[in-house]
Amino acid sequence: MYDYRHVRDLRGPGVRPWVLVGRHCGRGPDNEPLVRCLRQIAWISDLALTEAQELVEAQGSREWGPLDRRRPG
């Protein structure tokens, strides 16, 4: 959730993470699993996303960061 938090800024406020039942069908460019959605179970709340961001940032590690590939400027 933390690594992809920039996607909402790129694609609009209606974009949000969710939990699903699916079948693995490949790997993406960041080696993330790609799935074919069979059934949506639940949206992940904004509160959960905020808490995830706070927990990761509290670690103070430079190893974490969004997988945002846009170039600044």
Protein backbone atom coordinates (compact mmCIF):
# COMPACT_ATOMS: atom_id res chain seq x y z
CA MET A 1 0.00 0.00 0.00
CA TYR A 2 2.80 2.38 0.88
CA ASP A 3 4.83 1.78 -2.28
CA TYR A 4 1.92 2.62 -4.58
CA ARG A 5 0.45 5.59 -2.70
CA HIS A 6 1.27 7.94 -5.62
CA VAL A 7 -1.17 6.17 -7.97
CA ARG A 8 -4.16 8.16 -6.68
CA ASP A 9 -2.36 11.40 -7.58
CA LEU A 10 -1.68 10.06 -11.08
CA ARG A 11 -5.10 8.61 -11.84
CA GLY A 12 -7.56 10.57 -9.70
CA PRO A 13 -9.39 10.43 -6.38
CA GLY A 14 -11.54 7.44 -7.41
CA VAL A 15 -8.47 5.18 -7.47
CA ARG A 16 -8.00 3.18 -4.29
CA PRO A 17 -6.57 -0.14 -3.12
CA TRP A 18 -8.79 -3.10 -2.45
CA VAL A 19 -8.75 -6.69 -1.29
CA LEU A 20 -9.78 -9.29 -3.84
CA VAL A 21 -10.02 -12.96 -4.61
CA GLY A 22 -8.07 -13.70 -7.76
CA ARG A 23 -5.78 -15.95 -9.72
CA HIS A 24 -2.09 -15.27 -10.21
CA CYS A 25 -1.42 -14.64 -13.91
CA GLY A 26 2.08 -13.14 -14.07
CA ARG A 27 4.54 -10.58 -12.69
CA GLY A 28 4.70 -6.84 -13.28
CA PRO A 29 7.69 -4.59 -14.00
CA ASP A 30 8.46 -4.26 -10.28
CA ASN A 31 8.11 -8.04 -9.85
CA GLU A 32 4.73 -7.51 -8.21
CA PRO A 33 2.19 -10.30 -8.66
CA LEU A 34 -0.42 -9.69 -11.33
CA VAL A 35 -3.81 -11.23 -10.67
CA ARG A 36 -7.03 -11.72 -12.55
CA CYS A 37 -9.79 -10.47 -10.25
CA LEU A 38 -12.52 -12.99 -9.59
CA ARG A 39 -14.30 -11.13 -6.81
CA GLN A 40 -13.81 -7.86 -4.94
CA ILE A 41 -14.02 -8.23 -1.18
CA ALA A 42 -13.38 -4.77 0.34
CA TRP A 43 -11.86 -1.33 -0.18
CA ILE A 44 -8.88 -0.45 2.02
CA SER A 45 -9.79 2.60 4.07
CA ASP A 46 -8.02 5.96 3.95
CA LEU A 47 -7.34 5.52 7.68
CA ALA A 48 -5.46 2.26 7.01
CA LEU A 49 -3.44 3.96 4.25
CA THR A 50 -2.55 6.86 6.53
CA GLU A 51 -1.53 4.48 9.31
CA ALA A 52 0.67 2.49 6.91
CA GLN A 53 2.41 5.67 5.77
CA GLU A 54 2.99 6.83 9.35
CA LEU A 55 4.43 3.45 10.39
CA VAL A 56 6.83 3.29 7.46
CA GLU A 57 7.95 6.91 7.82
CA ALA A 58 8.50 6.44 11.58
CA GLN A 59 11.23 3.91 10.73
CA GLY A 60 13.34 6.71 9.24
CA SER A 61 14.74 4.36 6.58
CA ARG A 62 15.83 5.60 3.14
CA GLU A 63 15.21 2.09 1.78
CA TRP A 64 11.45 2.67 1.67
CA GLY A 65 9.82 4.87 -0.91
CA PRO A 66 7.08 4.99 -3.48
CA LEU A 67 7.53 3.10 -6.72
CA ASP A 68 6.74 6.35 -8.54
CA ARG A 69 8.80 6.31 -11.73
CA ARG A 70 7.91 9.85 -12.85
CA ARG A 71 10.82 12.21 -13.19
CA PRO A 72 10.57 15.44 -11.14
CA GLY A 73 9.98 18.69 -12.96
